[in-house]
């Protein structure tokens, strides 16, 4: 049972946390692609920017959350979402809108997004430095330990930020679903995603749809970056570790399909977690029944934790070769 609890802590909970982060990030990527038809490589840097805004606000007002009984970073998250949404809209107006007006090809937009990535990375490192910083300033991170069985000595461990992550992810996904399926703006976004020319001919204000898309993508980016930094720590180079997994998640789920992005996020998250999990722990109860010539190693993982970035890259290539439309049959890149 101890081995089972170890599996729950290091695979079920860790995979769910990683998958939720990737899912929220992938939704923003897939929304931008479905509306504007280009891969926005600066999305991971917007996630870092959102977390950095929360860090600044939390440092400036460290005791706000204590009066409400929640971490200050959670209280500051809506403000960071608004600031990140403004950044996303500003980037579009300054860089992408002039390019769209000239009718450039999508590859030019992708190259432009790489330039935006470098600009954001430079600015964030200029003001944030290069070292990691915790988002818990005056308050402390709560850790909950549960003993599911009496004979188990190893508890199931879940942290306060992980609980917030699961709750906020669920609320964000449900809210996005209701917005896309019930509201006029959401239906207009779906229409523009299916056929931009027909949507424009039908009287849909495409500029408004583009702005709303950036607002949603920016807000979700701030949520993902903040919740990840809250669970571990804020790093100025956070985008380097997020860019490939969220794109892999978007492609696995089906590019341009928001619900596919959620599924793809959890697929990539659990694939990463299972790849670095030490399977020798689960085999320990069967050590005595194994043949004498079979020596059970102390570490039996598919890849080392330092190489886990290889996993989403492998999934990305495999999906592009085997099923380019992804799980939910999105648009082919």
Protein backbone atom coordinates (compact mmCIF):
# COMPACT_ATOMS: atom_id res chain seq x y z
CA UNK A 1 0.00 0.00 0.00
CA UNK A 2 2.91 2.36 0.62
CA UNK A 3 4.00 1.83 -2.98
CA UNK A 4 0.46 2.59 -4.17
CA UNK A 5 0.42 5.85 -2.21
CA UNK A 6 3.82 6.69 -3.70
CA UNK A 7 2.29 6.16 -7.16
CA UNK A 8 -0.68 8.39 -6.28
CA UNK A 9 1.60 11.20 -5.07
CA UNK A 10 4.10 11.07 -7.91
CA UNK A 11 1.86 10.15 -10.84
CA UNK A 12 -1.82 10.79 -10.18
CA UNK A 13 -1.46 14.10 -8.32
CA UNK A 14 1.71 15.30 -10.07
CA UNK A 15 0.33 14.34 -13.49
CA UNK A 16 -2.96 16.11 -12.79
CA UNK A 17 -1.14 19.28 -11.72
CA UNK A 18 1.12 19.28 -14.78
CA UNK A 19 -1.76 18.40 -17.09
CA UNK A 20 -3.93 21.21 -15.74
CA UNK A 21 -1.16 23.77 -16.31
CA UNK A 22 -0.55 22.53 -19.86
CA UNK A 23 -4.29 22.44 -20.57
CA UNK A 24 -4.85 26.09 -19.59
CA UNK A 25 -1.81 27.17 -21.60
CA UNK A 26 -2.80 25.07 -24.63
CA UNK A 27 -6.31 26.58 -24.68
CA UNK A 28 -4.81 30.03 -25.29
CA UNK A 29 -2.54 28.71 -28.03
CA UNK A 30 -5.37 26.91 -29.80
CA UNK A 31 -7.76 29.89 -29.55
CA UNK A 32 -5.22 32.21 -31.17
CA UNK A 33 -4.55 29.66 -33.91
CA UNK A 34 -8.24 29.04 -34.60
CA UNK A 35 -9.00 32.75 -35.00
CA UNK A 36 -5.77 34.18 -36.48
CA UNK A 37 -4.30 31.09 -38.11
CA UNK A 38 -0.76 31.28 -36.76
CA UNK A 39 1.22 29.65 -33.97
CA UNK A 40 1.82 32.24 -31.25
CA UNK A 41 5.20 31.33 -29.78
CA UNK A 42 5.08 34.23 -27.31
CA UNK A 43 2.20 32.67 -25.39
CA UNK A 44 4.50 31.00 -22.85
CA UNK A 45 6.13 34.38 -22.21
CA UNK A 46 2.71 35.87 -21.52
CA UNK A 47 2.31 33.14 -18.90
CA UNK A 48 5.60 34.25 -17.36
CA UNK A 49 4.51 37.89 -17.54
CA UNK A 50 1.25 37.12 -15.73
CA UNK A 51 3.11 35.33 -12.93
CA UNK A 52 5.57 38.23 -12.71
CA UNK A 53 2.72 40.72 -12.33
CA UNK A 54 1.34 38.63 -9.46
CA UNK A 55 4.79 38.60 -7.86
CA UNK A 56 5.06 42.40 -8.06
CA UNK A 57 1.55 42.92 -6.66
CA UNK A 58 2.08 40.34 -3.91
CA UNK A 59 5.35 41.96 -2.90
CA UNK A 60 3.73 45.40 -2.85
CA UNK A 61 0.68 44.27 -0.84
CA UNK A 62 1.79 41.16 1.08
CA UNK A 63 -0.90 41.17 3.78
CA UNK A 64 -4.01 41.46 1.58
CA UNK A 65 -4.66 37.73 1.47
CA UNK A 66 -4.31 37.22 5.23
CA UNK A 67 -7.47 39.22 5.92
CA UNK A 68 -9.39 37.03 3.45
CA UNK A 69 -7.86 33.72 4.49
CA UNK A 70 -6.38 32.97 1.06
CA UNK A 71 -2.88 33.43 -0.42
CA UNK A 72 -2.23 37.00 -1.51
CA UNK A 73 -1.24 35.74 -4.96
CA UNK A 74 -4.77 34.40 -5.50
CA UNK A 75 -6.24 37.79 -4.56
CA UNK A 76 -3.91 39.53 -7.02
CA UNK A 77 -4.57 37.04 -9.83
CA UNK A 78 -7.58 38.88 -11.36
CA UNK A 79 -5.52 42.08 -11.60
CA UNK A 80 -2.68 40.16 -13.25
CA UNK A 81 -5.17 38.60 -15.68
CA UNK A 82 -6.36 42.08 -16.65
CA UNK A 83 -2.79 43.34 -17.10
CA UNK A 84 -1.81 40.30 -19.17
CA UNK A 85 -4.93 40.67 -21.30
CA UNK A 86 -4.00 44.32 -21.92
CA UNK A 87 -0.48 43.20 -22.86
CA UNK A 88 -1.88 40.64 -25.32
CA UNK A 89 -4.18 43.20 -26.96
CA UNK A 90 -1.34 45.74 -27.08
CA UNK A 91 1.03 43.24 -28.70
CA UNK A 92 -1.59 42.46 -31.33
CA UNK A 93 -2.17 46.12 -32.16
CA UNK A 94 1.55 46.95 -32.24
CA UNK A 95 2.91 43.89 -34.07
CA UNK A 96 0.32 41.54 -35.54
CA UNK A 97 -2.46 43.84 -36.74
CA UNK A 98 -0.21 45.80 -39.17
CA UNK A 99 1.02 42.49 -40.58
CA UNK A 100 -2.55 41.22 -41.05
CA UNK A 101 -3.43 44.51 -42.77
CA UNK A 102 -0.69 43.81 -45.31
CA UNK A 103 -1.97 40.27 -45.87
CA UNK A 104 1.27 38.52 -44.95
CA UNK A 105 1.52 34.74 -44.85
CA UNK A 106 1.20 32.84 -41.55
CA UNK A 107 4.92 32.04 -41.49
CA UNK A 108 5.65 35.78 -41.25
CA UNK A 109 3.32 36.02 -38.27
CA UNK A 110 5.12 33.10 -36.63
CA UNK A 111 8.50 34.80 -37.11
CA UNK A 112 7.03 38.00 -35.69
CA UNK A 113 5.84 36.07 -32.63
CA UNK A 114 9.40 34.79 -32.15
CA UNK A 115 10.55 38.41 -32.11
CA UNK A 116 7.89 39.23 -29.52
CA UNK A 117 9.12 36.25 -27.48
CA UNK A 118 12.64 37.63 -27.37
CA UNK A 119 11.39 41.09 -26.43
CA UNK A 120 9.25 39.80 -23.57
CA UNK A 121 11.99 37.50 -22.30
CA UNK A 122 14.48 40.35 -22.28
CA UNK A 123 12.12 42.73 -20.48
CA UNK A 124 11.10 40.16 -17.86
CA UNK A 125 14.72 39.25 -17.11
CA UNK A 126 15.64 42.94 -17.00
CA UNK A 127 13.16 43.66 -14.20
CA UNK A 128 12.88 40.24 -12.52
CA UNK A 129 16.54 39.22 -12.62
CA UNK A 130 17.60 35.64 -13.21
CA UNK A 131 16.93 33.91 -9.88
CA UNK A 132 13.73 32.19 -8.79
CA UNK A 133 11.36 33.79 -6.29
CA UNK A 134 8.44 32.39 -4.32
CA UNK A 135 4.96 33.88 -4.59
CA UNK A 136 4.35 33.23 -0.90
CA UNK A 137 5.68 36.42 0.69
CA UNK A 138 4.21 36.79 4.19
CA UNK A 139 1.84 33.83 4.15
CA UNK A 140 2.89 30.18 4.24
CA UNK A 141 2.03 27.34 1.89
CA UNK A 142 -0.32 24.84 3.52
CA UNK A 143 0.43 21.16 2.98
CA UNK A 144 -2.24 18.53 3.63
CA UNK A 145 -1.26 14.94 4.48
CA UNK A 146 -3.88 12.21 4.33
CA UNK A 147 -3.51 8.62 5.54
CA UNK A 148 -6.08 6.61 3.54
CA UNK A 149 -5.38 3.30 5.30
CA UNK A 150 -4.21 2.41 8.80
CA UNK A 151 -1.44 0.13 7.52
CA UNK A 152 0.01 2.90 5.35
CA UNK A 153 2.91 4.89 6.75
CA UNK A 154 3.33 7.18 3.73
CA UNK A 155 0.61 9.88 3.48
CA UNK A 156 -1.02 11.25 0.36
CA UNK A 157 0.35 14.78 0.07
CA UNK A 158 -1.47 17.64 -1.62
CA UNK A 159 -0.60 21.31 -1.30
CA UNK A 160 -2.82 24.36 -1.05
CA UNK A 161 -1.78 25.74 -4.49
CA UNK A 162 -2.68 22.40 -6.09
CA UNK A 163 -6.20 22.59 -4.68
CA UNK A 164 -6.57 26.11 -6.05
CA UNK A 165 -5.19 24.88 -9.37
CA UNK A 166 -7.78 22.11 -9.72
CA UNK A 167 -10.67 24.36 -8.69
CA UNK A 168 -9.68 27.31 -10.90
CA UNK A 169 -8.96 25.03 -13.87
CA UNK A 170 -12.41 23.46 -13.57
CA UNK A 171 -14.09 26.87 -13.27
CA UNK A 172 -12.11 28.27 -16.24
CA UNK A 173 -12.93 25.32 -18.51
CA UNK A 174 -16.66 25.41 -17.63
CA UNK A 175 -16.78 29.20 -18.05
CA UNK A 176 -15.07 28.97 -21.44
CA UNK A 177 -17.46 26.23 -22.54
CA UNK A 178 -20.49 28.30 -21.56
CA UNK A 179 -19.02 31.37 -23.25
CA UNK A 180 -18.34 29.59 -26.54
CA UNK A 181 -21.64 27.72 -26.63
CA UNK A 182 -24.12 30.21 -25.15
CA UNK A 183 -22.95 33.81 -25.72
CA UNK A 184 -23.21 35.75 -28.98
CA UNK A 185 -19.50 36.57 -28.90
CA UNK A 186 -18.65 32.92 -28.37
CA UNK A 187 -20.80 31.82 -31.29
CA UNK A 188 -19.23 34.57 -33.41
CA UNK A 189 -15.77 33.27 -32.46
CA UNK A 190 -16.74 29.76 -33.54
CA UNK A 191 -18.12 31.12 -36.81
CA UNK A 192 -14.93 33.05 -37.49
CA UNK A 193 -12.87 29.98 -36.64
CA UNK A 194 -14.81 27.88 -39.16
CA UNK A 195 -14.82 30.42 -42.00
CA UNK A 196 -13.36 33.93 -41.49
CA UNK A 197 -14.50 35.27 -44.88
CA UNK A 198 -18.07 34.07 -44.43
CA UNK A 199 -18.14 35.43 -40.87
CA UNK A 200 -17.04 38.85 -42.08
CA UNK A 201 -19.58 38.78 -44.90
CA UNK A 202 -22.28 37.94 -42.34
CA UNK A 203 -21.62 41.19 -40.50
CA UNK A 204 -19.47 39.86 -37.67
CA UNK A 205 -17.00 42.47 -36.42
CA UNK A 206 -13.74 40.54 -36.83
CA UNK A 207 -11.71 43.18 -34.99
CA UNK A 208 -13.86 42.69 -31.91
CA UNK A 209 -13.49 38.91 -32.15
CA UNK A 210 -9.71 39.22 -32.42
CA UNK A 211 -9.59 41.50 -29.37
CA UNK A 212 -11.80 39.15 -27.32
CA UNK A 213 -9.59 36.21 -28.32
CA UNK A 214 -6.49 38.00 -27.06
CA UNK A 215 -8.24 38.97 -23.81
CA UNK A 216 -9.19 35.34 -23.14
CA UNK A 217 -5.77 34.04 -24.14
CA UNK A 218 -4.02 36.62 -21.95
CA UNK A 219 -6.23 35.91 -18.95
CA UNK A 220 -5.73 32.16 -19.22
CA UNK A 221 -1.98 32.66 -19.64
CA UNK A 222 -1.86 34.64 -16.38
CA UNK A 223 -3.80 31.88 -14.59
CA UNK A 224 -1.50 29.11 -15.81
CA UNK A 225 1.74 30.97 -15.08
CA UNK A 226 0.60 32.12 -11.64
CA UNK A 227 -0.70 28.75 -10.46
CA UNK A 228 2.45 26.99 -11.62
CA UNK A 229 4.68 29.57 -9.89
CA UNK A 230 2.52 29.37 -6.78
CA UNK A 231 2.99 25.60 -6.59
CA UNK A 232 6.76 25.67 -7.19
CA UNK A 233 8.48 29.02 -7.66
CA UNK A 234 8.55 31.89 -10.14
CA UNK A 235 11.42 31.77 -12.62
CA UNK A 236 12.10 34.41 -15.28
CA UNK A 237 12.88 31.63 -17.78
CA UNK A 238 9.60 29.82 -17.08
CA UNK A 239 8.58 30.09 -20.74
CA UNK A 240 11.51 27.90 -21.81
CA UNK A 241 10.01 24.93 -19.93
CA UNK A 242 6.41 25.65 -20.97
CA UNK A 243 6.57 26.46 -24.68
CA UNK A 244 7.08 22.98 -26.11
CA UNK A 245 4.65 21.15 -23.76
CA UNK A 246 1.74 23.54 -24.37
CA UNK A 247 2.23 23.37 -28.14
CA UNK A 248 2.46 19.59 -27.92
CA UNK A 249 -0.77 19.59 -25.90
CA UNK A 250 -2.55 21.80 -28.45
CA UNK A 251 -1.46 19.57 -31.34
CA UNK A 252 -2.24 16.31 -29.52
CA UNK A 253 -5.75 17.53 -28.72
CA UNK A 254 -6.32 19.02 -32.16
CA UNK A 255 -5.13 22.49 -33.11
CA UNK A 256 -7.98 24.98 -33.05
CA UNK A 257 -10.14 22.81 -30.76
CA UNK A 258 -10.38 24.22 -27.18
CA UNK A 259 -11.73 20.99 -25.70
CA UNK A 260 -8.98 19.07 -27.44
CA UNK A 261 -6.43 21.37 -25.82
CA UNK A 262 -7.71 20.32 -22.39
CA UNK A 263 -7.44 16.62 -23.29
CA UNK A 264 -4.04 17.14 -24.89
CA UNK A 265 -2.77 18.96 -21.81
CA UNK A 266 -3.55 16.03 -19.55
CA UNK A 267 -2.17 13.51 -22.07
CA UNK A 268 1.16 15.33 -22.24
CA UNK A 269 1.20 15.98 -18.49
CA UNK A 270 0.65 12.34 -17.57
CA UNK A 271 3.07 11.16 -20.28
CA UNK A 272 5.80 13.34 -18.76
CA UNK A 273 5.03 12.12 -15.26
CA UNK A 274 4.92 8.44 -16.19
CA UNK A 275 8.17 8.75 -18.15
CA UNK A 276 10.18 10.03 -15.17
CA UNK A 277 8.42 7.88 -12.54
CA UNK A 278 10.62 5.33 -10.76
CA UNK A 279 8.82 2.08 -11.57
CA UNK A 280 11.23 0.12 -9.35
CA UNK A 281 9.21 1.32 -6.34
CA UNK A 282 6.10 -0.51 -7.54
CA UNK A 283 8.12 -3.69 -8.11
CA UNK A 284 9.61 -3.78 -4.61
CA UNK A 285 6.84 -5.99 -3.13
CA UNK A 286 7.64 -8.58 -5.84
CA UNK A 287 11.42 -8.47 -5.31
CA UNK A 288 11.52 -11.86 -3.57
CA UNK A 289 9.53 -13.57 -6.34
CA UNK A 290 11.80 -12.32 -9.12
CA UNK A 291 14.49 -14.63 -10.56
CA UNK A 292 17.85 -14.50 -8.81
CA UNK A 293 19.59 -13.39 -11.97
CA UNK A 294 17.26 -10.40 -12.29
CA UNK A 295 18.61 -7.61 -10.12
CA UNK A 296 16.06 -4.85 -9.59
CA UNK A 297 17.76 -1.46 -10.13
CA UNK A 298 17.20 1.36 -7.66
CA UNK A 299 15.96 3.66 -10.43
CA UNK A 300 13.78 2.28 -13.21
CA UNK A 301 12.54 5.33 -15.12
CA UNK A 302 12.16 5.67 -18.87
CA UNK A 303 14.03 8.99 -18.83
CA UNK A 304 15.76 11.05 -16.18
CA UNK A 305 13.91 14.03 -14.74
CA UNK A 306 16.40 16.38 -16.42
CA UNK A 307 15.37 14.96 -19.82
CA UNK A 308 11.59 15.08 -19.38
CA UNK A 309 11.38 17.89 -21.97
CA UNK A 310 12.13 15.16 -24.53
CA UNK A 311 8.75 13.52 -23.83
CA UNK A 312 6.48 16.28 -25.24
CA UNK A 313 8.84 16.65 -28.19
CA UNK A 314 8.52 12.92 -28.95
CA UNK A 315 4.72 13.12 -28.57
CA UNK A 316 4.64 16.19 -30.82
CA UNK A 317 6.56 14.48 -33.63
CA UNK A 318 4.59 11.23 -33.28
CA UNK A 319 1.23 13.01 -33.49
CA UNK A 320 2.31 15.09 -36.49
CA UNK A 321 3.35 11.92 -38.32
CA UNK A 322 0.58 9.58 -37.19
CA UNK A 323 -2.47 11.85 -36.75
CA UNK A 324 -1.85 15.50 -37.71
CA UNK A 325 -5.43 16.48 -36.84
CA UNK A 326 -5.01 15.34 -33.22
CA UNK A 327 -7.49 13.58 -30.95
CA UNK A 328 -10.42 15.91 -31.71
CA UNK A 329 -9.60 16.35 -35.40
CA UNK A 330 -8.54 19.96 -35.32
CA UNK A 331 -7.02 21.98 -38.14
CA UNK A 332 -3.88 20.57 -39.78
CA UNK A 333 -0.85 22.81 -39.36
